[in-house]
Amino acid sequence: MTTEMFYPRRSFSFPPKYCELKDAKVVVLPIPYDSTVDWRAGTREGPNAIIDASHFLEQYDHELGCYIHDLGIHTLPELVPSMKGPEETVERVYKATKQLLGKGKFVVMLGGEHSLTAGTVRAYRERFKNMSVLQLDAHSDLRDEYEDTKFNHACVMRRVHELCPIVQVGIRSMGQDDMDYIKKKKLRPFYAKETPLTRADEKAIVSQLSDDVYITIDLDVFDPSIMAAVGTPEPGGMGWYEVIRLLKLVAKEKRIVGFDVMELAPREGPIACTYLAAKLTYKLIGLSLID
């Protein structure tokens, strides 16, 4: 991996002895990109903000009973988006992820806008043949093309579904093109409801996933009352404990092979939103890799 592809960056939290690349089990890949957003820009600032907030996390996780950073968490410098356009940027993400997987790393991507997930999933799918993707999101993102590109953030799950099965949770907004695709492909999204997911809902979600699972989280899946710092907020949404309870069940029943946390626009909400994103990232690293 050539260093000119990256901006300088400091580490995602924690003492230097837990951050060396050669010893780290986890690699954080930050990508400051928001070229296809269609409302509030600023997700390019998300990775930097999450990394900064991570330094104020409690390092000990009382639920898991351990220091998650003992796994070794190395943060790469920020990946430079391509100026040639969205497709080339997604290709660059694919190549970077593929190289990291080749080194045996568990990759955590911090976005940046959601379109980047198509590149990461492509690399993961080549390595994990029986992989499915769990999408936590307010939007279905199933358009085939939007604003003259197939690699717009509104198209990301269409590109992902071309690679592997998907399970969508928290959905509460879509266009007619999305709905037509859902009906054609007989997808079964778990739409946001007035009440939290039931235990039956959670079991149904997990039952649709394959043994190997990649998780993509668009932070607008959360209710705007706790996550206002996104480019396209939607009324309603999931709560913190509702999301964590689902992720715990997925981790218990399946193997989480990688994940991303996307679409934080830190200027659009209070600092608590950035802290939430950092804690979610750290928590999910632990759930994914600690028995």
Protein backbone atom coordinates (compact mmCIF):
# COMPACT_ATOMS: atom_id res chain seq x y z
CA MET A 1 0.00 0.00 0.00
CA THR A 2 1.67 3.22 -1.13
CA THR A 3 1.89 5.99 1.46
CA GLU A 4 1.04 8.75 -1.03
CA MET A 5 -2.57 7.50 -0.95
CA PHE A 6 -2.91 8.74 2.63
CA TYR A 7 -3.04 11.97 4.61
CA PRO A 8 -1.22 12.06 7.98
CA ARG A 9 -3.44 10.95 10.88
CA ARG A 10 -3.19 10.25 14.58
CA SER A 11 -4.40 7.04 16.16
CA PHE A 12 -7.87 5.91 17.19
CA SER A 13 -7.40 6.17 20.93
CA PHE A 14 -5.23 4.47 23.45
CA PRO A 15 -1.60 3.93 24.44
CA PRO A 16 1.02 3.60 21.66
CA LYS A 17 1.97 0.06 22.64
CA TYR A 18 -1.51 -1.06 21.52
CA CYS A 19 -1.35 0.78 18.19
CA GLU A 20 1.58 -0.72 16.28
CA LEU A 21 0.47 -2.05 12.88
CA LYS A 22 2.49 -5.26 13.00
CA ASP A 23 0.89 -6.35 16.29
CA ALA A 24 -2.61 -4.90 15.86
CA LYS A 25 -5.52 -7.21 15.13
CA VAL A 26 -7.72 -4.26 14.15
CA VAL A 27 -6.96 -1.61 11.55
CA VAL A 28 -9.04 1.58 11.37
CA LEU A 29 -9.32 3.04 7.87
CA PRO A 30 -10.55 6.67 7.92
CA ILE A 31 -11.83 8.19 4.66
CA PRO A 32 -12.77 11.91 4.57
CA TYR A 33 -15.17 11.96 1.64
CA ASP A 34 -18.55 13.52 0.89
CA SER A 35 -18.54 14.28 -2.84
CA THR A 36 -21.97 12.83 -3.64
CA VAL A 37 -23.99 14.10 -0.67
CA ASP A 38 -27.17 15.86 -1.77
CA TRP A 39 -28.10 17.94 1.28
CA ARG A 40 -25.87 18.80 4.25
CA ALA A 41 -22.17 18.30 3.52
CA GLY A 42 -19.58 17.67 6.23
CA THR A 43 -19.20 13.89 6.43
CA ARG A 44 -15.62 14.40 5.24
CA GLU A 45 -14.99 15.64 8.78
CA GLY A 46 -16.52 12.54 10.39
CA PRO A 47 -13.48 10.25 10.63
CA ASN A 48 -11.27 12.92 12.15
CA ALA A 49 -13.95 13.80 14.71
CA ILE A 50 -14.52 10.16 15.70
CA ILE A 51 -10.81 9.59 16.16
CA ASP A 52 -10.46 12.73 18.29
CA ALA A 53 -13.46 11.74 20.45
CA SER A 54 -12.07 8.23 20.96
CA HIS A 55 -9.36 9.64 23.21
CA PHE A 56 -12.02 10.45 25.80
CA LEU A 57 -13.64 7.01 25.92
CA GLU A 58 -13.43 4.86 29.01
CA GLN A 59 -10.92 2.24 27.90
CA TYR A 60 -12.39 -0.52 30.07
CA ASP A 61 -15.66 -2.03 28.81
CA HIS A 62 -17.63 -3.11 31.87
CA GLU A 63 -20.03 -5.32 29.88
CA LEU A 64 -17.25 -7.29 28.19
CA GLY A 65 -15.08 -7.14 31.31
CA CYS A 66 -11.92 -6.16 29.49
CA TYR A 67 -9.89 -3.46 27.80
CA ILE A 68 -10.89 -3.72 24.15
CA HIS A 69 -7.71 -1.97 23.04
CA ASP A 70 -5.71 -5.02 24.20
CA LEU A 71 -6.62 -6.47 20.79
CA GLY A 72 -4.35 -3.86 19.22
CA ILE A 73 -6.02 -1.07 17.24
CA HIS A 74 -3.91 0.61 14.56
CA THR A 75 -5.19 3.69 12.75
CA LEU A 76 -3.99 4.30 9.21
CA PRO A 77 -3.62 7.83 7.87
CA GLU A 78 -6.73 9.06 6.06
CA LEU A 79 -7.23 7.59 2.60
CA VAL A 80 -7.12 10.29 -0.07
CA PRO A 81 -10.27 10.25 -2.24
CA SER A 82 -9.72 10.21 -5.99
CA MET A 83 -10.36 13.44 -7.87
CA LYS A 84 -11.41 11.37 -10.90
CA GLY A 85 -14.85 10.77 -9.42
CA PRO A 86 -16.96 8.51 -7.17
CA GLU A 87 -16.29 5.24 -9.00
CA GLU A 88 -12.55 5.72 -8.80
CA THR A 89 -12.77 6.56 -5.09
CA VAL A 90 -14.74 3.37 -4.42
CA GLU A 91 -12.12 1.44 -6.39
CA ARG A 92 -9.39 2.96 -4.24
CA VAL A 93 -11.26 1.87 -1.09
CA TYR A 94 -11.55 -1.65 -2.51
CA LYS A 95 -7.81 -1.88 -3.17
CA ALA A 96 -6.85 -0.56 0.25
CA THR A 97 -9.24 -2.94 2.04
CA LYS A 98 -8.05 -5.89 -0.01
CA GLN A 99 -4.45 -5.24 0.98
CA LEU A 100 -5.33 -4.98 4.64
CA LEU A 101 -7.33 -8.21 4.55
CA GLY A 102 -4.34 -9.85 2.90
CA LYS A 103 -2.33 -8.93 6.00
CA GLY A 104 -4.90 -10.70 8.18
CA LYS A 105 -6.38 -7.51 9.66
CA PHE A 106 -9.92 -6.85 10.85
CA VAL A 107 -10.81 -3.65 9.01
CA VAL A 108 -12.98 -0.91 10.50
CA MET A 109 -13.81 1.85 8.02
CA LEU A 110 -14.78 5.29 9.27
CA GLY A 111 -16.62 7.53 6.80
CA GLY A 112 -17.25 9.72 5.11
CA GLU A 113 -20.31 9.15 3.04
CA HIS A 114 -21.96 5.77 2.65
CA SER A 115 -20.99 5.19 -1.00
CA LEU A 116 -17.57 4.00 0.21
CA THR A 117 -19.07 0.81 1.65
CA ALA A 118 -19.36 -0.66 -1.86
CA GLY A 119 -15.57 -0.82 -2.12
CA THR A 120 -15.01 -2.38 1.28
CA VAL A 121 -17.73 -5.00 0.82
CA ARG A 122 -16.31 -5.98 -2.57
CA ALA A 123 -12.94 -6.75 -0.95
CA TYR A 124 -14.56 -8.64 1.93
CA ARG A 125 -16.80 -10.64 -0.38
CA GLU A 126 -13.78 -11.94 -2.27
CA ARG A 127 -12.35 -13.30 0.95
CA PHE A 128 -15.56 -14.48 2.66
CA LYS A 129 -17.60 -16.34 0.04
CA ASN A 130 -20.60 -16.95 2.31
CA MET A 131 -20.89 -13.38 3.57
CA SER A 132 -24.01 -11.25 4.01
CA VAL A 133 -24.29 -7.57 4.93
CA LEU A 134 -26.34 -6.16 7.79
CA GLN A 135 -27.28 -2.55 7.02
CA LEU A 136 -28.44 -0.25 9.82
CA ASP A 137 -29.78 2.86 8.09
CA ALA A 138 -32.70 5.26 7.78
CA HIS A 139 -32.59 4.99 3.98
CA SER A 140 -32.74 1.93 1.75
CA ASP A 141 -30.09 3.32 -0.68
CA LEU A 142 -31.18 1.01 -3.50
CA ARG A 143 -31.31 3.35 -6.48
CA ASP A 144 -29.45 2.03 -9.50
CA GLU A 145 -28.19 5.51 -10.40
CA TYR A 146 -28.51 8.94 -8.83
CA GLU A 147 -27.18 12.31 -10.01
CA ASP A 148 -25.41 10.72 -12.98
CA THR A 149 -23.44 8.09 -11.10
CA LYS A 150 -24.01 4.52 -9.94
CA PHE A 151 -21.68 5.24 -7.01
CA ASN A 152 -23.74 7.87 -5.26
CA HIS A 153 -24.45 7.34 -1.56
CA ALA A 154 -28.10 6.72 -2.53
CA CYS A 155 -26.98 3.72 -4.63
CA VAL A 156 -24.62 2.01 -2.21
CA MET A 157 -26.84 -0.89 -1.15
CA ARG A 158 -27.80 -1.61 -4.76
CA ARG A 159 -24.08 -2.07 -5.49
CA VAL A 160 -23.66 -4.16 -2.33
CA HIS A 161 -26.66 -6.36 -3.14
CA GLU A 162 -25.10 -7.11 -6.52
CA LEU A 163 -22.27 -8.72 -4.54
CA CYS A 164 -24.01 -10.54 -1.68
CA PRO A 165 -27.27 -10.84 0.32
CA ILE A 166 -28.31 -7.89 2.48
CA VAL A 167 -30.53 -7.42 5.52
CA GLN A 168 -31.82 -3.89 6.08
CA VAL A 169 -32.83 -2.58 9.50
CA GLY A 170 -34.20 0.79 10.63
CA ILE A 171 -35.41 1.85 7.19
CA ARG A 172 -37.91 4.70 7.14
CA SER A 173 -37.30 6.55 3.87
CA MET A 174 -36.97 5.53 0.21
CA GLY A 175 -37.86 6.47 -3.33
CA GLN A 176 -40.17 4.59 -5.67
CA ASP A 177 -37.17 3.11 -7.49
CA ASP A 178 -36.05 1.61 -4.18
CA MET A 179 -39.47 0.15 -3.49
CA ASP A 180 -39.71 -1.31 -6.99
CA TYR A 181 -36.35 -3.02 -6.47
CA ILE A 182 -37.37 -4.35 -3.06
CA LYS A 183 -40.49 -5.92 -4.57
CA LYS A 184 -38.66 -7.28 -7.60
CA LYS A 185 -35.91 -8.91 -5.52
CA LYS A 186 -38.32 -9.90 -2.72
CA LEU A 187 -36.25 -8.20 -0.07
CA ARG A 188 -37.63 -8.01 3.46
CA PRO A 189 -36.47 -4.79 5.14
CA PHE A 190 -37.11 -4.32 8.84
CA TYR A 191 -38.70 -0.90 8.86
CA ALA A 192 -38.48 1.49 11.79
CA LYS A 193 -41.54 1.29 14.03
CA GLU A 194 -43.11 3.30 16.79
CA THR A 195 -41.83 0.80 19.31
CA PRO A 196 -38.31 -0.73 19.50
CA LEU A 197 -37.44 -4.00 17.83
CA THR A 198 -39.01 -6.94 19.59
CA ARG A 199 -37.08 -10.08 20.48
CA ALA A 200 -38.92 -11.79 17.64
CA ASP A 201 -37.74 -9.05 15.25
CA GLU A 202 -34.15 -9.49 16.41
CA LYS A 203 -34.27 -13.26 15.92
CA ALA A 204 -35.82 -12.81 12.47
CA ILE A 205 -33.06 -10.39 11.48
CA VAL A 206 -30.31 -12.74 12.61
CA SER A 207 -31.96 -15.73 10.91
CA GLN A 208 -31.64 -13.98 7.53
CA LEU A 209 -27.88 -13.47 7.93
CA SER A 210 -25.22 -15.92 6.77
CA ASP A 211 -22.56 -17.23 9.13
CA ASP A 212 -20.12 -14.47 8.12
CA VAL A 213 -21.51 -10.94 8.47
CA TYR A 214 -20.24 -7.52 7.48
CA ILE A 215 -22.04 -4.66 9.24
CA THR A 216 -22.51 -1.22 7.71
CA ILE A 217 -23.91 1.48 9.96
CA ASP A 218 -25.20 4.76 8.61
CA LEU A 219 -25.53 6.85 11.75
CA ASP A 220 -28.87 8.26 10.60
CA VAL A 221 -30.33 4.91 11.68
CA PHE A 222 -30.46 6.49 15.15
CA ASP A 223 -33.28 8.79 16.21
CA PRO A 224 -32.28 12.42 15.54
CA SER A 225 -32.82 13.19 19.22
CA ILE A 226 -29.53 11.36 19.91
CA MET A 227 -27.93 11.62 16.45
CA ALA A 228 -28.56 14.95 14.76
CA ALA A 229 -25.08 15.12 13.22
CA VAL A 230 -25.86 13.47 9.88
CA GLY A 231 -26.38 14.78 6.38
CA THR A 232 -29.91 13.47 5.90
CA PRO A 233 -31.70 13.07 9.26
CA GLU A 234 -35.07 11.31 9.32
CA PRO A 235 -37.79 11.48 12.01
CA GLY A 236 -38.06 8.41 14.17
CA GLY A 237 -35.26 5.90 14.31
CA MET A 238 -33.53 3.51 16.66
CA GLY A 239 -32.23 4.11 20.17
CA TRP A 240 -28.77 3.35 21.54
CA TYR A 241 -29.74 0.27 23.55
CA GLU A 242 -31.92 -1.05 20.75
CA VAL A 243 -28.97 -0.98 18.35
CA ILE A 244 -26.51 -2.41 20.86
CA ARG A 245 -28.88 -5.25 21.80
CA LEU A 246 -29.17 -6.24 18.14
CA LEU A 247 -25.41 -6.06 17.59
CA LYS A 248 -24.84 -8.24 20.66
CA LEU A 249 -27.16 -10.90 19.27
CA VAL A 250 -25.47 -10.82 15.86
CA ALA A 251 -22.08 -11.18 17.54
CA LYS A 252 -23.34 -14.09 19.61
CA GLU A 253 -24.96 -16.02 16.76
CA LYS A 254 -22.73 -15.10 13.80
CA ARG A 255 -19.15 -14.13 12.97
CA ILE A 256 -18.70 -10.41 12.35
CA VAL A 257 -15.84 -10.14 9.84
CA GLY A 258 -15.69 -6.35 9.54
CA PHE A 259 -17.76 -3.21 9.80
CA ASP A 260 -18.00 0.48 9.02
CA VAL A 261 -19.48 3.54 10.73
CA MET A 262 -20.55 6.14 8.19
CA GLU A 263 -22.12 9.55 7.58
CA LEU A 264 -21.17 11.49 10.70
CA ALA A 265 -21.33 15.22 9.89
CA PRO A 266 -20.04 16.59 13.20
CA ARG A 267 -20.92 20.26 12.62
CA GLU A 268 -24.62 19.38 12.28
CA GLY A 269 -25.13 18.25 15.86
CA PRO A 270 -23.85 18.48 19.44
CA ILE A 271 -20.56 16.90 20.47
CA ALA A 272 -22.50 14.04 22.07
CA CYS A 273 -23.19 12.73 18.55
CA THR A 274 -19.48 12.41 17.79
CA TYR A 275 -18.90 10.71 21.13
CA LEU A 276 -21.73 8.27 20.36
CA ALA A 277 -20.05 7.37 17.05
CA ALA A 278 -16.71 6.79 18.76
CA LYS A 279 -18.22 4.65 21.52
CA LEU A 280 -20.22 2.64 18.99
CA THR A 281 -17.04 1.94 17.03
CA TYR A 282 -15.09 0.83 20.10
CA LYS A 283 -17.99 -1.25 21.41
CA LEU A 284 -18.49 -3.04 18.11
CA ILE A 285 -14.80 -3.87 17.85
CA GLY A 286 -15.13 -5.62 21.19
CA LEU A 287 -18.37 -7.40 20.33
CA SER A 288 -16.88 -8.62 17.06
CA LEU A 289 -13.62 -10.02 18.38
CA ILE A 290 -13.89 -10.80 22.09
CA ASP A 291 -15.59 -14.06 23.14
